[in-house]
Each structure stands twice: as C-alpha cells, then as structure tokens.
Amino acid sequence: MAIYAIDFDNTLAITRFPEIIAPNKKMVAFAKAVKAQGHQIILWTSRAGADLENAVEWCRLQGLVFDAVNEPLPEQIKRWGNDTRKIYADYYIDDKNMTIAQVESTMNQIKEIMEEIAE
C-alpha cells in the first residue's frame, strides 16, 4: 500500500489563508478513495496552531481522517526511533509541486540559454 502526503491550502481546500472558502471536491474525493482502498494519507501543510486545528476539523467534516498530520506515520517514527521531521510518502500532492521532469526541462532550457550567451 502507498502513502500519500497531501497539502491543505489550495489542494484539499480552496483558501485565502487563513480563510477556508470551499472544498476542492476532486481532491477530497481522491483522498477518500485512496484511504478507502487501504492506502495511508498524511495531511502535509504549513499550517500550525489554531489554523492547523481548523484545517483538521474542516477535513473531518469532509469525511477525511488522516493517519498522521505534519509528521511521519507512527510506525515510521517507531522504526527510526525518532521523528525525523521529514515526512516520508510515496506521493506528495501540493499545488506548488514541481516534478523531476519539470526541473530537468528547466535546467535544459537554462543550459541552452547559457550556451547561446557564450557564443
């Protein structure tokens, strides 16, 4: 089974931080579906304190209950003997995400520009 780390702001919910405006229905449905299939989900957000509590409660009202919130899964903490602070997941879902392919493409474009400048 896979582990999904899912961001909150503008991923699970449409927000104007700290205001929660509406659910991103497709993402909420996706999170519920993978959880129902036996995968684990982690809420992975920069929210803290009351803003984090509000997000967790909002998710609960949407039918989302997480295996962990802003930390590795309990079994990972036990395995490593501490909280590494770096969340381990198989998939990271975030509105600001950049894939390896996008990074490589950007680097290729930079290389081409630098070669043109050098000529």
N, C-alpha and C. Protein backbone atom coordinates (compact mmCIF):
# COMPACT_ATOMS: atom_id res chain seq x y z
N MET A 1 0.83 -1.19 0.00
CA MET A 1 0.00 0.00 0.00
C MET A 1 0.88 1.26 0.00
N ALA A 2 0.36 2.33 -0.54
CA ALA A 2 1.11 3.57 -0.69
C ALA A 2 0.77 4.57 0.41
N ILE A 3 1.67 5.52 0.56
CA ILE A 3 1.47 6.64 1.49
C ILE A 3 1.37 7.92 0.66
N TYR A 4 0.32 8.68 0.90
CA TYR A 4 0.10 9.95 0.20
C TYR A 4 0.20 11.09 1.20
N ALA A 5 1.08 12.05 0.93
CA ALA A 5 1.17 13.27 1.73
C ALA A 5 0.44 14.35 0.92
N ILE A 6 -0.61 14.91 1.51
CA ILE A 6 -1.49 15.82 0.77
C ILE A 6 -1.54 17.18 1.46
N ASP A 7 -1.25 18.23 0.71
CA ASP A 7 -1.30 19.59 1.21
C ASP A 7 -2.76 20.01 1.44
N PHE A 8 -2.94 21.06 2.23
CA PHE A 8 -4.28 21.56 2.52
C PHE A 8 -4.64 22.76 1.65
N ASP A 9 -3.92 23.87 1.84
CA ASP A 9 -4.28 25.13 1.18
C ASP A 9 -4.15 25.03 -0.34
N ASN A 10 -5.26 25.28 -1.01
CA ASN A 10 -5.36 25.25 -2.47
C ASN A 10 -5.03 23.88 -3.07
N THR A 11 -5.15 22.86 -2.23
CA THR A 11 -5.04 21.48 -2.70
C THR A 11 -6.31 20.74 -2.27
N LEU A 12 -6.47 20.47 -0.98
CA LEU A 12 -7.73 19.89 -0.49
C LEU A 12 -8.83 20.94 -0.42
N ALA A 13 -8.44 22.16 -0.07
CA ALA A 13 -9.42 23.24 0.08
C ALA A 13 -8.98 24.46 -0.72
N ILE A 14 -9.96 25.17 -1.22
CA ILE A 14 -9.70 26.46 -1.83
C ILE A 14 -9.68 27.45 -0.68
N THR A 15 -8.58 28.18 -0.56
CA THR A 15 -8.41 29.05 0.61
C THR A 15 -7.88 30.42 0.21
N ARG A 16 -8.06 31.34 1.12
CA ARG A 16 -7.38 32.65 1.15
C ARG A 16 -6.86 32.72 2.57
N PHE A 17 -5.68 32.16 2.78
CA PHE A 17 -5.17 31.92 4.13
C PHE A 17 -5.44 33.10 5.04
N PRO A 18 -5.97 32.85 6.23
CA PRO A 18 -6.31 31.56 6.82
C PRO A 18 -7.75 31.09 6.52
N GLU A 19 -8.46 31.87 5.71
CA GLU A 19 -9.87 31.54 5.43
C GLU A 19 -9.99 30.30 4.54
N ILE A 20 -10.86 29.40 4.93
CA ILE A 20 -11.17 28.21 4.14
C ILE A 20 -12.46 28.52 3.38
N ILE A 21 -12.37 28.57 2.06
CA ILE A 21 -13.50 29.01 1.25
C ILE A 21 -14.40 27.85 0.82
N ALA A 22 -13.80 26.80 0.25
CA ALA A 22 -14.61 25.69 -0.28
C ALA A 22 -13.73 24.46 -0.45
N PRO A 23 -14.35 23.30 -0.52
CA PRO A 23 -13.55 22.09 -0.80
C PRO A 23 -13.15 22.02 -2.26
N ASN A 24 -11.98 21.47 -2.51
CA ASN A 24 -11.62 21.06 -3.86
C ASN A 24 -12.20 19.66 -3.97
N LYS A 25 -13.39 19.55 -4.50
CA LYS A 25 -14.16 18.31 -4.45
C LYS A 25 -13.43 17.11 -5.05
N LYS A 26 -12.71 17.32 -6.14
CA LYS A 26 -11.99 16.21 -6.76
C LYS A 26 -10.86 15.71 -5.86
N MET A 27 -10.15 16.63 -5.21
CA MET A 27 -9.05 16.21 -4.33
C MET A 27 -9.59 15.53 -3.08
N VAL A 28 -10.66 16.05 -2.52
CA VAL A 28 -11.27 15.42 -1.34
C VAL A 28 -11.73 14.01 -1.72
N ALA A 29 -12.37 13.87 -2.87
CA ALA A 29 -12.82 12.56 -3.33
C ALA A 29 -11.64 11.62 -3.55
N PHE A 30 -10.57 12.13 -4.11
CA PHE A 30 -9.37 11.33 -4.34
C PHE A 30 -8.81 10.83 -3.00
N ALA A 31 -8.66 11.73 -2.03
CA ALA A 31 -8.12 11.35 -0.72
C ALA A 31 -8.99 10.28 -0.06
N LYS A 32 -10.29 10.46 -0.14
CA LYS A 32 -11.21 9.46 0.43
C LYS A 32 -11.07 8.12 -0.29
N ALA A 33 -10.94 8.16 -1.60
CA ALA A 33 -10.85 6.93 -2.38
C ALA A 33 -9.58 6.15 -2.07
N VAL A 34 -8.44 6.83 -2.01
CA VAL A 34 -7.21 6.09 -1.73
C VAL A 34 -7.21 5.56 -0.30
N LYS A 35 -7.78 6.32 0.62
CA LYS A 35 -7.90 5.87 2.01
C LYS A 35 -8.80 4.62 2.07
N ALA A 36 -9.90 4.65 1.35
CA ALA A 36 -10.83 3.51 1.33
C ALA A 36 -10.19 2.26 0.72
N GLN A 37 -9.23 2.46 -0.15
CA GLN A 37 -8.52 1.34 -0.77
C GLN A 37 -7.43 0.78 0.14
N GLY A 38 -7.24 1.39 1.31
CA GLY A 38 -6.25 0.89 2.26
C GLY A 38 -4.94 1.63 2.27
N HIS A 39 -4.82 2.66 1.45
CA HIS A 39 -3.60 3.47 1.46
C HIS A 39 -3.63 4.39 2.69
N GLN A 40 -2.48 4.93 3.03
CA GLN A 40 -2.42 5.85 4.17
C GLN A 40 -2.28 7.28 3.65
N ILE A 41 -2.91 8.22 4.38
CA ILE A 41 -2.82 9.62 3.98
C ILE A 41 -2.31 10.46 5.14
N ILE A 42 -1.45 11.40 4.80
CA ILE A 42 -0.87 12.33 5.76
C ILE A 42 -1.27 13.73 5.34
N LEU A 43 -1.80 14.51 6.27
CA LEU A 43 -2.02 15.93 5.99
C LEU A 43 -0.67 16.61 6.10
N TRP A 44 -0.25 17.24 5.01
CA TRP A 44 1.09 17.81 4.89
C TRP A 44 0.91 19.30 4.57
N THR A 45 0.97 20.13 5.61
CA THR A 45 0.64 21.54 5.47
C THR A 45 1.56 22.40 6.32
N SER A 46 1.70 23.65 5.95
CA SER A 46 2.49 24.58 6.77
C SER A 46 1.65 25.21 7.87
N ARG A 47 0.37 24.90 7.90
CA ARG A 47 -0.48 25.45 8.96
C ARG A 47 -0.03 24.93 10.32
N ALA A 48 -0.21 25.78 11.33
CA ALA A 48 0.15 25.41 12.70
C ALA A 48 -0.87 26.01 13.66
N GLY A 49 -0.85 25.56 14.90
CA GLY A 49 -1.72 26.12 15.93
C GLY A 49 -3.19 26.03 15.57
N ALA A 50 -3.91 27.11 15.85
CA ALA A 50 -5.35 27.15 15.60
C ALA A 50 -5.68 26.96 14.11
N ASP A 51 -4.82 27.50 13.23
CA ASP A 51 -5.08 27.33 11.79
C ASP A 51 -5.00 25.86 11.38
N LEU A 52 -4.07 25.12 11.99
CA LEU A 52 -3.97 23.69 11.72
C LEU A 52 -5.17 22.96 12.30
N GLU A 53 -5.55 23.29 13.51
CA GLU A 53 -6.72 22.66 14.13
C GLU A 53 -7.96 22.88 13.29
N ASN A 54 -8.13 24.10 12.76
CA ASN A 54 -9.28 24.40 11.90
C ASN A 54 -9.25 23.56 10.63
N ALA A 55 -8.07 23.39 10.05
CA ALA A 55 -7.94 22.59 8.82
C ALA A 55 -8.26 21.13 9.09
N VAL A 56 -7.76 20.59 10.19
CA VAL A 56 -8.02 19.19 10.52
C VAL A 56 -9.51 18.97 10.76
N GLU A 57 -10.13 19.89 11.50
CA GLU A 57 -11.58 19.78 11.76
C GLU A 57 -12.37 19.91 10.47
N TRP A 58 -11.99 20.85 9.61
CA TRP A 58 -12.65 21.02 8.33
C TRP A 58 -12.56 19.72 7.51
N CYS A 59 -11.39 19.11 7.51
CA CYS A 59 -11.21 17.84 6.79
C CYS A 59 -12.10 16.75 7.39
N ARG A 60 -12.16 16.70 8.71
CA ARG A 60 -13.01 15.70 9.38
C ARG A 60 -14.46 15.86 8.94
N LEU A 61 -14.92 17.11 8.84
CA LEU A 61 -16.29 17.38 8.40
C LEU A 61 -16.51 16.98 6.94
N GLN A 62 -15.42 16.91 6.16
CA GLN A 62 -15.50 16.45 4.77
C GLN A 62 -15.41 14.93 4.68
N GLY A 63 -15.20 14.28 5.83
CA GLY A 63 -15.09 12.83 5.85
C GLY A 63 -13.66 12.32 5.73
N LEU A 64 -12.69 13.21 5.92
CA LEU A 64 -11.28 12.83 5.83
C LEU A 64 -10.66 12.71 7.21
N VAL A 65 -10.13 11.54 7.51
CA VAL A 65 -9.40 11.32 8.75
C VAL A 65 -8.01 10.84 8.34
N PHE A 66 -6.99 11.51 8.83
CA PHE A 66 -5.62 11.24 8.41
C PHE A 66 -4.93 10.25 9.32
N ASP A 67 -3.96 9.55 8.75
CA ASP A 67 -3.13 8.63 9.52
C ASP A 67 -2.06 9.39 10.30
N ALA A 68 -1.73 10.59 9.85
CA ALA A 68 -0.78 11.47 10.54
C ALA A 68 -1.03 12.89 10.05
N VAL A 69 -0.60 13.84 10.86
CA VAL A 69 -0.73 15.25 10.49
C VAL A 69 0.62 15.92 10.72
N ASN A 70 1.23 16.38 9.64
CA ASN A 70 2.51 17.11 9.70
C ASN A 70 3.62 16.34 10.40
N GLU A 71 3.58 15.03 10.31
CA GLU A 71 4.67 14.22 10.85
C GLU A 71 4.65 12.86 10.15
N PRO A 72 5.74 12.13 10.24
CA PRO A 72 5.74 10.80 9.65
C PRO A 72 4.69 9.91 10.33
N LEU A 73 4.35 8.82 9.68
CA LEU A 73 3.42 7.87 10.27
C LEU A 73 4.00 7.32 11.58
N PRO A 74 3.13 6.98 12.55
CA PRO A 74 3.64 6.47 13.83
C PRO A 74 4.59 5.29 13.68
N GLU A 75 4.31 4.38 12.74
CA GLU A 75 5.19 3.23 12.57
C GLU A 75 6.56 3.62 12.04
N GLN A 76 6.63 4.72 11.28
CA GLN A 76 7.92 5.20 10.80
C GLN A 76 8.72 5.82 11.95
N ILE A 77 8.05 6.57 12.81
CA ILE A 77 8.72 7.15 13.97
C ILE A 77 9.27 6.03 14.85
N LYS A 78 8.47 5.00 15.05
CA LYS A 78 8.92 3.85 15.86
C LYS A 78 10.11 3.16 15.20
N ARG A 79 10.02 2.95 13.90
CA ARG A 79 11.09 2.26 13.17
C ARG A 79 12.41 3.01 13.26
N TRP A 80 12.36 4.35 13.10
CA TRP A 80 13.58 5.15 13.10
C TRP A 80 14.01 5.59 14.50
N GLY A 81 13.12 5.40 15.47
CA GLY A 81 13.46 5.76 16.84
C GLY A 81 13.34 7.24 17.13
N ASN A 82 12.81 8.00 16.19
CA ASN A 82 12.57 9.43 16.41
C ASN A 82 11.69 9.99 15.30
N ASP A 83 11.29 11.24 15.48
CA ASP A 83 10.54 11.96 14.45
C ASP A 83 11.58 12.71 13.62
N THR A 84 11.81 12.25 12.42
CA THR A 84 12.84 12.86 11.57
C THR A 84 12.45 14.24 11.06
N ARG A 85 11.21 14.64 11.29
CA ARG A 85 10.63 15.90 10.83
C ARG A 85 10.41 15.92 9.31
N LYS A 86 11.04 15.02 8.58
CA LYS A 86 10.81 14.93 7.14
C LYS A 86 9.75 13.86 6.93
N ILE A 87 8.67 14.27 6.32
CA ILE A 87 7.57 13.34 6.09
C ILE A 87 7.93 12.42 4.94
N TYR A 88 7.85 11.12 5.20
CA TYR A 88 8.09 10.14 4.16
C TYR A 88 6.74 9.77 3.54
N ALA A 89 6.69 9.79 2.21
CA ALA A 89 5.50 9.35 1.48
C ALA A 89 5.93 8.82 0.13
N ASP A 90 5.06 8.06 -0.47
CA ASP A 90 5.31 7.60 -1.84
C ASP A 90 4.91 8.68 -2.84
N TYR A 91 3.91 9.49 -2.47
CA TYR A 91 3.41 10.54 -3.34
C TYR A 91 3.18 11.81 -2.52
N TYR A 92 3.60 12.94 -3.07
CA TYR A 92 3.40 14.24 -2.44
C TYR A 92 2.51 15.06 -3.36
N ILE A 93 1.37 15.49 -2.84
CA ILE A 93 0.40 16.22 -3.66
C ILE A 93 0.27 17.62 -3.10
N ASP A 94 0.59 18.61 -3.93
CA ASP A 94 0.65 20.00 -3.48
C ASP A 94 0.44 20.91 -4.69
N ASP A 95 -0.23 22.02 -4.49
CA ASP A 95 -0.46 22.94 -5.60
C ASP A 95 0.81 23.63 -6.07
N LYS A 96 1.87 23.57 -5.29
CA LYS A 96 3.15 24.21 -5.66
C LYS A 96 4.19 23.18 -6.08
N ASN A 97 3.78 21.96 -6.31
CA ASN A 97 4.68 20.86 -6.61
C ASN A 97 5.36 21.03 -7.95
N MET A 98 6.61 20.60 -8.02
CA MET A 98 7.37 20.59 -9.27
C MET A 98 7.94 19.20 -9.42
N THR A 99 7.70 18.58 -10.56
CA THR A 99 8.19 17.23 -10.78
C THR A 99 9.65 17.24 -11.20
N ILE A 100 10.30 16.08 -11.10
CA ILE A 100 11.68 15.96 -11.55
C ILE A 100 11.77 16.29 -13.04
N ALA A 101 10.79 15.84 -13.82
CA ALA A 101 10.79 16.13 -15.26
C ALA A 101 10.74 17.64 -15.52
N GLN A 102 9.97 18.37 -14.72
CA GLN A 102 9.90 19.82 -14.88
C GLN A 102 11.23 20.47 -14.52
N VAL A 103 11.88 19.99 -13.47
CA VAL A 103 13.19 20.52 -13.08
C VAL A 103 14.19 20.27 -14.20
N GLU A 104 14.21 19.05 -14.72
CA GLU A 104 15.16 18.72 -15.78
C GLU A 104 14.90 19.56 -17.02
N SER A 105 13.65 19.78 -17.37
CA SER A 105 13.31 20.61 -18.53
C SER A 105 13.80 22.05 -18.32
N THR A 106 13.57 22.57 -17.12
CA THR A 106 14.03 23.92 -16.81
C THR A 106 15.54 24.01 -16.90
N MET A 107 16.23 23.00 -16.37
CA MET A 107 17.70 23.00 -16.43
C MET A 107 18.19 22.93 -17.87
N ASN A 108 17.52 22.16 -18.71
CA ASN A 108 17.89 22.09 -20.13
C ASN A 108 17.70 23.45 -20.80
N GLN A 109 16.62 24.13 -20.47
CA GLN A 109 16.38 25.46 -21.04
C GLN A 109 17.46 26.44 -20.59
N ILE A 110 17.82 26.39 -19.32
CA ILE A 110 18.88 27.27 -18.80
C ILE A 110 20.20 26.97 -19.51
N LYS A 111 20.51 25.69 -19.69
CA LYS A 111 21.74 25.30 -20.38
C LYS A 111 21.76 25.87 -21.79
N GLU A 112 20.64 25.75 -22.52
CA GLU A 112 20.57 26.29 -23.88
C GLU A 112 20.77 27.79 -23.90
N ILE A 113 20.17 28.49 -22.97
CA ILE A 113 20.32 29.95 -22.89
C ILE A 113 21.78 30.32 -22.60
N MET A 114 22.38 29.60 -21.67
CA MET A 114 23.79 29.88 -21.32
C MET A 114 24.71 29.60 -22.49
N GLU A 115 24.42 28.57 -23.27
CA GLU A 115 25.23 28.27 -24.45
C GLU A 115 25.08 29.35 -25.50
N GLU A 116 23.86 29.88 -25.67
CA GLU A 116 23.64 30.97 -26.63
C GLU A 116 24.37 32.22 -26.20
N ILE A 117 24.36 32.51 -24.92
CA ILE A 117 25.06 33.70 -24.39
C ILE A 117 26.56 33.57 -24.61
N ALA A 118 27.08 32.35 -24.42
CA ALA A 118 28.52 32.12 -24.55
C ALA A 118 29.02 32.25 -25.99
N GLU A 119 28.13 32.11 -26.97
CA GLU A 119 28.54 32.16 -28.39
C GLU A 119 28.87 33.54 -28.82
